[in-house]
N, C-alpha and C. Protein backbone atom coordinates (compact mmCIF):
# COMPACT_ATOMS: atom_id res chain seq x y z
N UNK A 1 32.33 92.69 -7.62
CA UNK A 1 31.36 91.90 -6.86
C UNK A 1 31.07 90.56 -7.55
N UNK A 2 30.92 90.58 -8.88
CA UNK A 2 30.67 89.33 -9.61
C UNK A 2 31.83 88.36 -9.45
N UNK A 3 33.06 88.90 -9.49
CA UNK A 3 34.25 88.07 -9.35
C UNK A 3 34.26 87.40 -7.98
N UNK A 4 33.98 88.17 -6.94
CA UNK A 4 33.98 87.64 -5.57
C UNK A 4 32.88 86.62 -5.41
N UNK A 5 31.70 86.90 -5.97
CA UNK A 5 30.57 85.96 -5.89
C UNK A 5 30.93 84.64 -6.55
N UNK A 6 31.66 84.71 -7.67
CA UNK A 6 32.08 83.49 -8.35
C UNK A 6 33.01 82.67 -7.46
N UNK A 7 33.95 83.35 -6.82
CA UNK A 7 34.90 82.64 -5.95
C UNK A 7 34.15 82.00 -4.79
N UNK A 8 33.21 82.72 -4.19
CA UNK A 8 32.45 82.16 -3.09
C UNK A 8 31.62 80.98 -3.56
N UNK A 9 31.09 81.10 -4.76
CA UNK A 9 30.30 79.99 -5.30
C UNK A 9 31.15 78.75 -5.48
N UNK A 10 32.41 78.94 -5.80
CA UNK A 10 33.33 77.81 -5.96
C UNK A 10 33.77 77.24 -4.62
N UNK A 11 33.54 78.00 -3.55
CA UNK A 11 34.09 77.65 -2.23
C UNK A 11 33.77 76.24 -1.80
N UNK A 12 32.49 75.85 -1.89
CA UNK A 12 32.15 74.50 -1.46
C UNK A 12 31.63 73.69 -2.64
N UNK A 13 32.26 73.94 -3.80
CA UNK A 13 31.82 73.30 -5.03
C UNK A 13 32.27 71.84 -5.12
N UNK A 14 31.47 71.05 -5.84
CA UNK A 14 31.82 69.68 -6.16
C UNK A 14 31.50 69.46 -7.62
N UNK A 15 32.46 68.95 -8.37
CA UNK A 15 32.28 68.77 -9.80
C UNK A 15 31.90 67.33 -10.11
N UNK A 16 31.00 67.13 -11.08
CA UNK A 16 30.50 65.80 -11.35
C UNK A 16 31.07 65.21 -12.63
N UNK A 17 32.06 65.85 -13.24
CA UNK A 17 32.63 65.31 -14.48
C UNK A 17 34.12 65.08 -14.25
N UNK A 18 34.54 63.83 -14.27
CA UNK A 18 35.96 63.55 -14.08
C UNK A 18 36.22 62.06 -14.19
N UNK A 19 37.53 61.73 -14.22
CA UNK A 19 37.90 60.33 -14.26
C UNK A 19 38.47 59.86 -12.91
N UNK A 20 38.83 60.79 -12.01
CA UNK A 20 39.47 60.45 -10.75
C UNK A 20 38.42 60.00 -9.73
N UNK A 21 38.34 58.71 -9.50
CA UNK A 21 37.30 58.18 -8.60
C UNK A 21 37.51 58.60 -7.15
N UNK A 22 38.79 58.72 -6.71
CA UNK A 22 39.06 59.15 -5.34
C UNK A 22 38.61 60.59 -5.13
N UNK A 23 38.91 61.46 -6.12
CA UNK A 23 38.48 62.84 -6.03
C UNK A 23 36.98 62.95 -6.03
N UNK A 24 36.32 62.16 -6.87
CA UNK A 24 34.86 62.17 -6.94
C UNK A 24 34.24 61.75 -5.61
N UNK A 25 34.78 60.71 -5.01
CA UNK A 25 34.26 60.21 -3.74
C UNK A 25 34.41 61.28 -2.65
N UNK A 26 35.55 61.95 -2.62
CA UNK A 26 35.79 62.99 -1.63
C UNK A 26 34.87 64.18 -1.82
N UNK A 27 34.74 64.64 -3.06
CA UNK A 27 33.89 65.79 -3.35
C UNK A 27 32.41 65.48 -3.12
N UNK A 28 32.01 64.26 -3.45
CA UNK A 28 30.63 63.85 -3.19
C UNK A 28 30.33 63.86 -1.69
N UNK A 29 31.32 63.45 -0.90
CA UNK A 29 31.14 63.43 0.55
C UNK A 29 31.01 64.86 1.10
N UNK A 30 31.85 65.77 0.60
CA UNK A 30 31.78 67.17 1.01
C UNK A 30 30.45 67.77 0.64
N UNK A 31 30.00 67.52 -0.58
CA UNK A 31 28.72 68.06 -1.07
C UNK A 31 27.54 67.55 -0.26
N UNK A 32 27.49 66.25 -0.04
CA UNK A 32 26.36 65.65 0.67
C UNK A 32 26.31 66.16 2.11
N UNK A 33 27.46 66.31 2.73
CA UNK A 33 27.51 66.80 4.10
C UNK A 33 26.96 68.21 4.18
N UNK A 34 27.36 69.06 3.22
CA UNK A 34 26.90 70.45 3.21
C UNK A 34 25.40 70.52 2.96
N UNK A 35 24.87 69.66 2.10
CA UNK A 35 23.44 69.67 1.79
C UNK A 35 22.59 69.26 2.99
N UNK A 36 23.18 68.49 3.89
CA UNK A 36 22.42 68.00 5.05
C UNK A 36 22.28 69.04 6.15
N UNK A 37 23.04 70.13 6.06
CA UNK A 37 22.95 71.17 7.09
C UNK A 37 21.72 72.04 6.85
N UNK A 38 21.09 72.48 7.94
CA UNK A 38 19.95 73.37 7.82
C UNK A 38 20.38 74.74 7.31
N UNK A 39 21.53 75.20 7.76
CA UNK A 39 22.10 76.44 7.26
C UNK A 39 23.62 76.39 7.47
N UNK A 40 24.32 77.26 6.73
CA UNK A 40 25.78 77.33 6.81
C UNK A 40 26.17 78.80 6.94
N UNK A 41 27.05 79.10 7.88
CA UNK A 41 27.57 80.45 8.07
C UNK A 41 29.09 80.42 7.88
N UNK A 42 29.58 81.20 6.94
CA UNK A 42 31.01 81.18 6.62
C UNK A 42 31.59 82.59 6.77
N UNK A 43 32.67 82.68 7.53
CA UNK A 43 33.46 83.91 7.61
C UNK A 43 34.75 83.63 6.85
N UNK A 44 35.16 84.52 5.94
CA UNK A 44 36.28 84.19 5.08
C UNK A 44 37.19 85.40 4.83
N UNK A 45 38.42 85.08 4.38
CA UNK A 45 39.37 86.11 3.93
C UNK A 45 39.54 85.93 2.43
N UNK A 46 39.50 87.03 1.71
CA UNK A 46 39.61 87.02 0.26
C UNK A 46 40.85 87.79 -0.13
N UNK A 47 41.75 87.18 -0.91
CA UNK A 47 42.96 87.84 -1.34
C UNK A 47 43.15 87.68 -2.84
N UNK A 48 43.48 88.79 -3.50
CA UNK A 48 43.71 88.79 -4.93
C UNK A 48 45.12 89.30 -5.19
N UNK A 49 45.87 88.60 -6.05
CA UNK A 49 47.27 88.96 -6.29
C UNK A 49 47.62 88.78 -7.76
N UNK A 50 48.10 89.86 -8.38
CA UNK A 50 48.61 89.80 -9.75
C UNK A 50 49.89 90.62 -9.77
N UNK A 51 51.03 89.93 -9.63
CA UNK A 51 52.32 90.61 -9.54
C UNK A 51 52.66 91.36 -10.82
N UNK A 52 52.24 90.83 -11.98
CA UNK A 52 52.55 91.48 -13.25
C UNK A 52 51.89 92.87 -13.35
N UNK A 53 50.69 92.96 -12.81
CA UNK A 53 49.96 94.24 -12.83
C UNK A 53 50.12 95.03 -11.54
N UNK A 54 50.94 94.50 -10.64
CA UNK A 54 51.18 95.14 -9.34
C UNK A 54 49.86 95.38 -8.59
N UNK A 55 49.02 94.35 -8.58
CA UNK A 55 47.73 94.43 -7.90
C UNK A 55 47.70 93.46 -6.72
N UNK A 56 47.38 93.97 -5.58
CA UNK A 56 47.25 93.14 -4.40
C UNK A 56 46.12 93.67 -3.53
N UNK A 57 45.16 92.82 -3.23
CA UNK A 57 44.00 93.23 -2.46
C UNK A 57 43.60 92.16 -1.46
N UNK A 58 43.27 92.59 -0.25
CA UNK A 58 42.79 91.65 0.75
C UNK A 58 41.56 92.25 1.43
N UNK A 59 40.59 91.41 1.70
CA UNK A 59 39.41 91.85 2.42
C UNK A 59 38.79 90.67 3.13
N UNK A 60 37.81 90.93 3.95
CA UNK A 60 37.10 89.87 4.64
C UNK A 60 35.62 89.98 4.33
N UNK A 61 34.92 88.87 4.50
CA UNK A 61 33.50 88.87 4.24
C UNK A 61 32.84 87.71 4.96
N UNK A 62 31.52 87.65 4.83
CA UNK A 62 30.77 86.53 5.42
C UNK A 62 29.52 86.27 4.61
N UNK A 63 29.06 85.03 4.67
CA UNK A 63 27.86 84.65 3.96
C UNK A 63 27.10 83.62 4.79
N UNK A 64 25.77 83.74 4.77
CA UNK A 64 24.89 82.76 5.43
C UNK A 64 24.01 82.18 4.34
N UNK A 65 23.92 80.84 4.30
CA UNK A 65 23.11 80.15 3.30
C UNK A 65 22.08 79.26 3.97
N UNK A 66 20.89 79.25 3.41
CA UNK A 66 19.83 78.35 3.87
C UNK A 66 18.99 77.96 2.65
N UNK A 67 19.15 76.72 2.22
CA UNK A 67 18.48 76.32 0.99
C UNK A 67 19.03 77.14 -0.16
N UNK A 68 18.13 77.76 -0.94
CA UNK A 68 18.57 78.60 -2.04
C UNK A 68 18.62 80.08 -1.65
N UNK A 69 18.45 80.37 -0.37
CA UNK A 69 18.51 81.75 0.11
C UNK A 69 19.92 82.05 0.63
N UNK A 70 20.30 83.32 0.56
CA UNK A 70 21.60 83.69 1.13
C UNK A 70 21.65 85.17 1.47
N UNK A 71 22.60 85.52 2.33
CA UNK A 71 22.92 86.90 2.67
C UNK A 71 24.43 87.02 2.68
N UNK A 72 24.97 87.82 1.79
CA UNK A 72 26.40 87.97 1.60
C UNK A 72 26.83 89.39 1.92
N UNK A 73 27.86 89.53 2.77
CA UNK A 73 28.43 90.82 3.07
C UNK A 73 29.90 90.85 2.64
N UNK A 74 30.25 91.80 1.77
CA UNK A 74 31.61 91.88 1.25
C UNK A 74 31.85 93.29 0.74
N UNK A 75 33.04 93.84 1.02
CA UNK A 75 33.45 95.16 0.54
C UNK A 75 32.43 96.25 0.87
N UNK A 76 31.81 96.12 2.05
CA UNK A 76 30.86 97.12 2.50
C UNK A 76 29.49 97.02 1.91
N UNK A 77 29.28 96.09 0.99
CA UNK A 77 27.99 95.92 0.34
C UNK A 77 27.31 94.63 0.83
N UNK A 78 25.99 94.57 0.65
CA UNK A 78 25.21 93.40 1.09
C UNK A 78 24.35 92.90 -0.07
N UNK A 79 24.32 91.60 -0.25
CA UNK A 79 23.44 90.97 -1.25
C UNK A 79 22.52 90.02 -0.52
N UNK A 80 21.20 90.21 -0.70
CA UNK A 80 20.19 89.38 -0.07
C UNK A 80 19.37 88.71 -1.16
N UNK A 81 19.30 87.38 -1.11
CA UNK A 81 18.44 86.65 -2.04
C UNK A 81 17.43 85.86 -1.22
N UNK A 82 16.13 86.18 -1.43
CA UNK A 82 15.07 85.55 -0.62
C UNK A 82 14.45 84.33 -1.26
N UNK A 83 15.08 83.85 -2.33
CA UNK A 83 14.58 82.68 -3.04
C UNK A 83 13.93 83.03 -4.37
N UNK A 84 13.55 84.31 -4.50
CA UNK A 84 12.95 84.78 -5.75
C UNK A 84 13.60 86.06 -6.28
N UNK A 85 13.91 86.96 -5.35
CA UNK A 85 14.42 88.28 -5.72
C UNK A 85 15.76 88.56 -5.07
N UNK A 86 16.67 89.19 -5.83
CA UNK A 86 17.99 89.56 -5.33
C UNK A 86 18.03 91.04 -5.06
N UNK A 87 18.46 91.41 -3.85
CA UNK A 87 18.61 92.81 -3.45
C UNK A 87 20.10 93.07 -3.21
N UNK A 88 20.68 93.99 -3.99
CA UNK A 88 22.06 94.37 -3.83
C UNK A 88 22.12 95.77 -3.22
N UNK A 89 22.63 95.84 -2.00
CA UNK A 89 22.58 97.09 -1.23
C UNK A 89 23.98 97.68 -1.13
N UNK A 90 24.11 98.93 -1.62
CA UNK A 90 25.41 99.62 -1.59
C UNK A 90 25.30 100.88 -0.76
N UNK A 91 25.74 100.86 0.51
CA UNK A 91 25.69 102.06 1.35
C UNK A 91 26.51 103.21 0.78
N UNK A 92 27.65 102.92 0.16
CA UNK A 92 28.48 103.99 -0.40
C UNK A 92 27.74 104.78 -1.47
N UNK A 93 26.99 104.09 -2.29
CA UNK A 93 26.24 104.73 -3.37
C UNK A 93 24.81 105.09 -2.94
N UNK A 94 24.42 104.62 -1.75
CA UNK A 94 23.04 104.80 -1.27
C UNK A 94 22.06 104.31 -2.34
N UNK A 95 22.29 103.10 -2.80
CA UNK A 95 21.50 102.53 -3.87
C UNK A 95 21.15 101.07 -3.58
N UNK A 96 19.95 100.66 -3.95
CA UNK A 96 19.52 99.28 -3.86
C UNK A 96 19.13 98.82 -5.27
N UNK A 97 19.79 97.77 -5.75
CA UNK A 97 19.46 97.23 -7.06
C UNK A 97 18.63 95.96 -6.85
N UNK A 98 17.46 95.93 -7.48
CA UNK A 98 16.54 94.81 -7.34
C UNK A 98 16.40 94.07 -8.66
N UNK A 99 16.60 92.76 -8.63
CA UNK A 99 16.47 91.95 -9.85
C UNK A 99 15.84 90.62 -9.52
N UNK A 100 15.17 90.03 -10.50
CA UNK A 100 14.54 88.72 -10.32
C UNK A 100 15.55 87.61 -10.65
N UNK A 101 15.37 86.49 -10.01
CA UNK A 101 16.22 85.35 -10.31
C UNK A 101 15.77 84.71 -11.60
N UNK A 102 16.76 84.35 -12.44
CA UNK A 102 16.46 83.66 -13.70
C UNK A 102 17.03 82.25 -13.62
N UNK A 103 16.18 81.26 -13.30
CA UNK A 103 16.71 79.89 -13.14
C UNK A 103 17.30 79.29 -14.40
N UNK A 104 17.00 79.91 -15.56
CA UNK A 104 17.51 79.39 -16.82
C UNK A 104 18.83 80.05 -17.23
N UNK A 105 19.30 81.00 -16.41
CA UNK A 105 20.55 81.66 -16.71
C UNK A 105 21.72 80.87 -16.16
N UNK A 106 22.28 80.00 -16.97
CA UNK A 106 23.36 79.14 -16.52
C UNK A 106 24.64 79.89 -16.27
N UNK A 107 24.79 81.11 -16.82
CA UNK A 107 26.02 81.85 -16.66
C UNK A 107 26.07 82.62 -15.35
N UNK A 108 24.95 82.70 -14.67
CA UNK A 108 24.91 83.44 -13.41
C UNK A 108 25.20 82.51 -12.24
N UNK A 109 26.37 82.70 -11.63
CA UNK A 109 26.79 81.84 -10.52
C UNK A 109 26.63 82.63 -9.24
N UNK A 110 25.79 82.15 -8.35
CA UNK A 110 25.50 82.84 -7.11
C UNK A 110 25.72 81.88 -5.93
N UNK A 111 25.81 82.43 -4.69
CA UNK A 111 25.98 81.54 -3.55
C UNK A 111 24.90 80.47 -3.43
N UNK A 112 23.67 80.79 -3.87
CA UNK A 112 22.61 79.80 -3.76
C UNK A 112 22.78 78.64 -4.73
N UNK A 113 23.72 78.75 -5.67
CA UNK A 113 23.97 77.68 -6.63
C UNK A 113 25.29 76.96 -6.30
N UNK A 114 25.82 77.21 -5.12
CA UNK A 114 27.12 76.65 -4.76
C UNK A 114 27.21 75.15 -4.95
N UNK A 115 26.12 74.45 -4.67
CA UNK A 115 26.18 72.99 -4.71
C UNK A 115 25.60 72.40 -5.97
N UNK A 116 25.33 73.26 -6.97
CA UNK A 116 24.72 72.74 -8.20
C UNK A 116 25.37 73.23 -9.49
N UNK A 117 25.96 74.45 -9.51
CA UNK A 117 26.43 75.00 -10.77
C UNK A 117 27.56 74.19 -11.39
N UNK A 118 28.31 73.51 -10.59
CA UNK A 118 29.52 72.82 -11.01
C UNK A 118 29.23 71.44 -11.62
N UNK A 119 27.97 71.09 -11.76
CA UNK A 119 27.65 69.72 -12.14
C UNK A 119 28.11 69.36 -13.55
N UNK A 120 28.54 70.33 -14.30
CA UNK A 120 29.24 70.03 -15.54
C UNK A 120 30.22 71.19 -15.81
N UNK A 121 31.18 70.95 -16.65
CA UNK A 121 32.10 72.01 -17.02
C UNK A 121 33.50 71.90 -16.47
N UNK A 122 33.77 70.93 -15.60
CA UNK A 122 35.09 70.79 -15.01
C UNK A 122 35.56 69.32 -15.04
N UNK A 123 36.86 69.16 -15.18
CA UNK A 123 37.51 67.87 -14.91
C UNK A 123 38.29 68.05 -13.60
N UNK A 124 38.53 67.00 -12.87
CA UNK A 124 39.23 67.17 -11.62
C UNK A 124 40.04 65.92 -11.26
N UNK A 125 40.99 66.14 -10.37
CA UNK A 125 41.82 65.02 -9.90
C UNK A 125 42.40 65.37 -8.55
N UNK A 126 42.83 64.34 -7.82
CA UNK A 126 43.46 64.55 -6.51
C UNK A 126 44.78 65.27 -6.71
N UNK A 127 45.11 66.19 -5.81
CA UNK A 127 46.38 66.91 -5.87
C UNK A 127 47.15 66.67 -4.59
N UNK A 128 47.96 67.61 -4.16
CA UNK A 128 48.81 67.41 -3.00
C UNK A 128 48.02 67.40 -1.69
N UNK A 129 48.64 66.84 -0.66
CA UNK A 129 48.10 66.88 0.70
C UNK A 129 49.10 67.65 1.57
N UNK A 130 48.60 68.57 2.37
CA UNK A 130 49.49 69.38 3.22
C UNK A 130 49.02 69.38 4.66
N UNK A 131 49.99 69.58 5.56
CA UNK A 131 49.68 69.75 6.97
C UNK A 131 49.67 71.25 7.25
N UNK A 132 48.52 71.79 7.60
CA UNK A 132 48.38 73.22 7.86
C UNK A 132 47.97 73.40 9.32
N UNK A 133 48.92 73.82 10.12
CA UNK A 133 48.67 74.06 11.55
C UNK A 133 48.01 72.83 12.22
N UNK A 134 48.55 71.66 11.88
CA UNK A 134 48.05 70.43 12.48
C UNK A 134 46.84 69.83 11.81
N UNK A 135 46.37 70.48 10.75
CA UNK A 135 45.21 69.97 10.01
C UNK A 135 45.67 69.36 8.70
N UNK A 136 45.16 68.18 8.39
CA UNK A 136 45.48 67.52 7.13
C UNK A 136 44.56 68.07 6.04
N UNK A 137 45.13 68.78 5.07
CA UNK A 137 44.36 69.40 4.01
C UNK A 137 44.65 68.69 2.69
N UNK A 138 43.61 68.10 2.12
CA UNK A 138 43.73 67.41 0.84
C UNK A 138 43.22 68.34 -0.27
N UNK A 139 44.06 68.56 -1.28
CA UNK A 139 43.65 69.42 -2.38
C UNK A 139 43.14 68.61 -3.56
N UNK A 140 42.10 69.17 -4.22
CA UNK A 140 41.58 68.61 -5.44
C UNK A 140 41.75 69.68 -6.53
N UNK A 141 42.30 69.31 -7.66
CA UNK A 141 42.54 70.26 -8.74
C UNK A 141 41.39 70.21 -9.75
N UNK A 142 40.76 71.35 -9.99
CA UNK A 142 39.64 71.47 -10.93
C UNK A 142 40.11 72.23 -12.16
N UNK A 143 39.89 71.66 -13.33
CA UNK A 143 40.30 72.30 -14.57
C UNK A 143 39.08 72.46 -15.48
N UNK A 144 38.80 73.69 -15.96
CA UNK A 144 37.65 73.91 -16.85
C UNK A 144 37.77 73.11 -18.14
N UNK A 145 36.69 72.51 -18.55
CA UNK A 145 36.68 71.79 -19.81
C UNK A 145 36.71 72.76 -21.00
N UNK A 146 36.06 73.90 -20.82
CA UNK A 146 36.02 74.94 -21.86
C UNK A 146 37.39 75.59 -22.01
N UNK A 147 38.02 75.42 -23.14
CA UNK A 147 39.35 75.98 -23.37
C UNK A 147 39.36 77.51 -23.40
N UNK A 148 38.17 78.10 -23.56
CA UNK A 148 38.06 79.57 -23.60
C UNK A 148 37.84 80.17 -22.22
N UNK A 149 37.78 79.33 -21.20
CA UNK A 149 37.57 79.83 -19.85
C UNK A 149 38.73 80.71 -19.42
N UNK A 150 38.41 81.76 -18.64
CA UNK A 150 39.46 82.65 -18.12
C UNK A 150 40.20 82.00 -16.95
N UNK A 151 39.66 80.89 -16.43
CA UNK A 151 40.28 80.19 -15.32
C UNK A 151 41.23 79.11 -15.84
N UNK A 152 42.45 79.13 -15.33
CA UNK A 152 43.43 78.10 -15.68
C UNK A 152 43.15 76.83 -14.89
N UNK A 153 43.08 76.97 -13.58
CA UNK A 153 42.68 75.85 -12.72
C UNK A 153 42.32 76.39 -11.33
N UNK A 154 41.67 75.53 -10.56
CA UNK A 154 41.27 75.85 -9.20
C UNK A 154 41.76 74.72 -8.29
N UNK A 155 42.34 75.10 -7.16
CA UNK A 155 42.72 74.11 -6.13
C UNK A 155 41.77 74.27 -4.96
N UNK A 156 41.07 73.21 -4.62
CA UNK A 156 40.11 73.22 -3.54
C UNK A 156 40.69 72.41 -2.37
N UNK A 157 40.95 73.11 -1.25
CA UNK A 157 41.53 72.46 -0.08
C UNK A 157 40.45 71.97 0.87
N UNK A 158 40.47 70.69 1.19
CA UNK A 158 39.45 70.08 2.02
C UNK A 158 40.06 69.51 3.29
N UNK A 159 39.50 69.85 4.44
CA UNK A 159 39.94 69.30 5.71
C UNK A 159 39.59 67.81 5.73
N UNK A 160 40.60 66.96 5.80
CA UNK A 160 40.38 65.52 5.69
C UNK A 160 39.54 64.96 6.83
N UNK A 161 39.54 65.63 7.98
CA UNK A 161 38.78 65.14 9.13
C UNK A 161 37.33 65.60 9.11
N UNK A 162 37.12 66.90 8.93
CA UNK A 162 35.76 67.44 9.00
C UNK A 162 35.03 67.37 7.67
N UNK A 163 35.75 67.24 6.57
CA UNK A 163 35.19 67.26 5.22
C UNK A 163 34.56 68.62 4.92
N UNK A 164 35.11 69.65 5.53
CA UNK A 164 34.73 71.03 5.24
C UNK A 164 35.81 71.67 4.37
N UNK A 165 35.45 72.72 3.65
CA UNK A 165 36.42 73.40 2.82
C UNK A 165 37.30 74.30 3.69
N UNK A 166 38.61 74.19 3.48
CA UNK A 166 39.58 75.03 4.19
C UNK A 166 39.91 76.26 3.36
N UNK A 167 40.21 76.06 2.08
CA UNK A 167 40.49 77.21 1.22
C UNK A 167 40.28 76.86 -0.23
N UNK A 168 40.32 77.90 -1.06
CA UNK A 168 40.19 77.74 -2.49
C UNK A 168 41.18 78.68 -3.15
N UNK A 169 41.94 78.16 -4.10
CA UNK A 169 42.93 78.95 -4.83
C UNK A 169 42.60 78.89 -6.32
N UNK A 170 42.24 80.04 -6.89
CA UNK A 170 41.93 80.10 -8.31
C UNK A 170 43.05 80.80 -9.03
N UNK A 171 43.57 80.16 -10.10
CA UNK A 171 44.64 80.73 -10.91
C UNK A 171 44.07 81.05 -12.29
N UNK A 172 44.13 82.32 -12.65
CA UNK A 172 43.60 82.74 -13.95
C UNK A 172 44.66 82.68 -15.04
N UNK A 173 44.22 82.63 -16.29
CA UNK A 173 45.15 82.59 -17.41
C UNK A 173 45.92 83.90 -17.55
N UNK A 174 45.39 84.98 -16.94
CA UNK A 174 46.08 86.28 -17.00
C UNK A 174 47.07 86.43 -15.85
N UNK A 175 47.29 85.38 -15.06
CA UNK A 175 48.26 85.45 -13.97
C UNK A 175 47.70 85.84 -12.64
N UNK A 176 46.41 86.15 -12.59
CA UNK A 176 45.79 86.54 -11.33
C UNK A 176 45.55 85.32 -10.45
N UNK A 177 45.98 85.43 -9.20
CA UNK A 177 45.77 84.35 -8.23
C UNK A 177 44.81 84.85 -7.15
N UNK A 178 43.73 84.16 -6.98
CA UNK A 178 42.71 84.54 -6.00
C UNK A 178 42.60 83.45 -4.96
N UNK A 179 42.73 83.82 -3.71
CA UNK A 179 42.67 82.84 -2.62
C UNK A 179 41.58 83.22 -1.64
N UNK A 180 40.72 82.26 -1.35
CA UNK A 180 39.69 82.45 -0.36
C UNK A 180 39.93 81.44 0.77
N UNK A 181 40.14 81.93 1.97
CA UNK A 181 40.42 81.08 3.11
C UNK A 181 39.30 81.18 4.12
N UNK A 182 38.79 80.05 4.56
CA UNK A 182 37.68 80.03 5.52
C UNK A 182 38.24 80.24 6.93
N UNK A 183 37.80 81.32 7.56
CA UNK A 183 38.19 81.57 8.95
C UNK A 183 37.30 80.79 9.92
N UNK A 184 36.03 80.69 9.59
CA UNK A 184 35.11 79.90 10.41
C UNK A 184 34.01 79.33 9.54
N UNK A 185 33.62 78.11 9.84
CA UNK A 185 32.59 77.39 9.08
C UNK A 185 31.62 76.83 10.11
N UNK A 186 30.48 77.50 10.29
CA UNK A 186 29.51 77.10 11.30
C UNK A 186 28.24 76.59 10.63
N UNK A 187 27.61 75.62 11.29
CA UNK A 187 26.42 75.04 10.72
C UNK A 187 25.27 75.02 11.73
N UNK A 188 24.05 75.03 11.17
CA UNK A 188 22.83 74.93 11.97
C UNK A 188 22.80 75.95 13.12
N UNK A 189 23.20 77.18 12.80
CA UNK A 189 23.18 78.27 13.76
C UNK A 189 21.77 78.84 13.88
N UNK A 190 21.39 79.36 15.07
CA UNK A 190 20.10 80.04 15.18
C UNK A 190 20.19 81.36 14.40
N UNK A 191 19.32 81.54 13.42
CA UNK A 191 19.35 82.76 12.63
C UNK A 191 17.96 83.43 12.64
N UNK A 192 17.97 84.73 12.44
CA UNK A 192 16.74 85.50 12.45
C UNK A 192 15.84 85.11 11.28
N UNK A 193 14.54 85.10 11.51
CA UNK A 193 13.60 84.77 10.46
C UNK A 193 13.60 85.84 9.35
N UNK A 194 14.08 87.03 9.69
CA UNK A 194 14.08 88.12 8.72
C UNK A 194 15.45 88.30 8.04
N UNK A 195 16.38 87.36 8.28
CA UNK A 195 17.74 87.50 7.74
C UNK A 195 17.74 87.62 6.23
N UNK A 196 16.84 86.90 5.56
CA UNK A 196 16.82 86.91 4.10
C UNK A 196 15.67 87.76 3.54
N UNK A 197 15.18 88.68 4.39
CA UNK A 197 14.08 89.56 4.00
C UNK A 197 14.59 90.98 3.83
N UNK A 198 14.24 91.62 2.72
CA UNK A 198 14.62 93.01 2.48
C UNK A 198 13.59 93.94 3.12
N UNK A 199 14.03 94.80 4.02
CA UNK A 199 13.15 95.76 4.70
C UNK A 199 13.33 97.13 4.04
N UNK A 200 12.38 97.49 3.18
CA UNK A 200 12.50 98.73 2.43
C UNK A 200 12.45 99.97 3.33
N UNK A 201 11.86 99.82 4.52
CA UNK A 201 11.79 100.96 5.43
C UNK A 201 13.15 101.42 5.92
N UNK A 202 14.15 100.53 5.85
CA UNK A 202 15.50 100.88 6.28
C UNK A 202 16.26 101.65 5.21
N UNK A 203 15.70 101.74 4.01
CA UNK A 203 16.41 102.36 2.90
C UNK A 203 15.55 103.39 2.18
N UNK A 204 14.81 104.18 2.95
CA UNK A 204 13.91 105.18 2.39
C UNK A 204 14.67 106.25 1.61
N UNK A 205 15.90 106.55 2.01
CA UNK A 205 16.69 107.58 1.36
C UNK A 205 17.57 107.05 0.22
N UNK A 206 17.49 105.75 -0.04
CA UNK A 206 18.31 105.13 -1.08
C UNK A 206 17.60 105.23 -2.44
N UNK A 207 18.40 105.25 -3.49
CA UNK A 207 17.85 105.18 -4.84
C UNK A 207 17.53 103.70 -5.12
N UNK A 208 16.32 103.43 -5.53
CA UNK A 208 15.90 102.05 -5.82
C UNK A 208 15.97 101.82 -7.33
N UNK A 209 16.82 100.89 -7.72
CA UNK A 209 17.05 100.60 -9.14
C UNK A 209 16.47 99.22 -9.44
N UNK A 210 15.30 99.19 -10.08
CA UNK A 210 14.68 97.93 -10.44
C UNK A 210 15.06 97.55 -11.86
N UNK A 211 15.73 96.42 -12.01
CA UNK A 211 16.22 96.01 -13.32
C UNK A 211 15.17 95.32 -14.17
N UNK A 212 14.14 94.76 -13.52
CA UNK A 212 13.08 94.10 -14.31
C UNK A 212 11.75 94.19 -13.56
């Protein structure tokens, strides 16, 4: 789950450390556009591939973001963050894990930090441009500044017309390739007022695990 959350957090990321002015201008435009939306709803496909270890996994998920709040559904589990408290709901385990947000924890990358966590730690430059089903996709290559990072590089594909993210390809130093492709990117959708609210009455039979 942490790995998937990291990939989703990178999905609409913009890095603020680099020498490539064209890449910076493009990423700044993507970031500013995303920040201007009242909410964002993303349906995505997640694929993990490591041929050396004979590992291949594909799944789908969705996330809704509004300000620093989010609701993420992936691998049958749900994560709800109401701005203060994170609720991780696992139907398979019939367990709800409750934890408080720590704004000083820089190592914790969550969907609510999608547009801020990347403000340092990466260098980037313009990469290839591809035509994907009639869409012009411009890639930006992100490379961690920290040489100890497990990530070798990330390719962020941006739709040149809409300035929305099309896909993200993360290549790890261990040979693992993770690809997240956006199936739909909707903005300013009517959403329920209770979408980011945890209703404990729905989980009376679940084990409640409070971490703090």
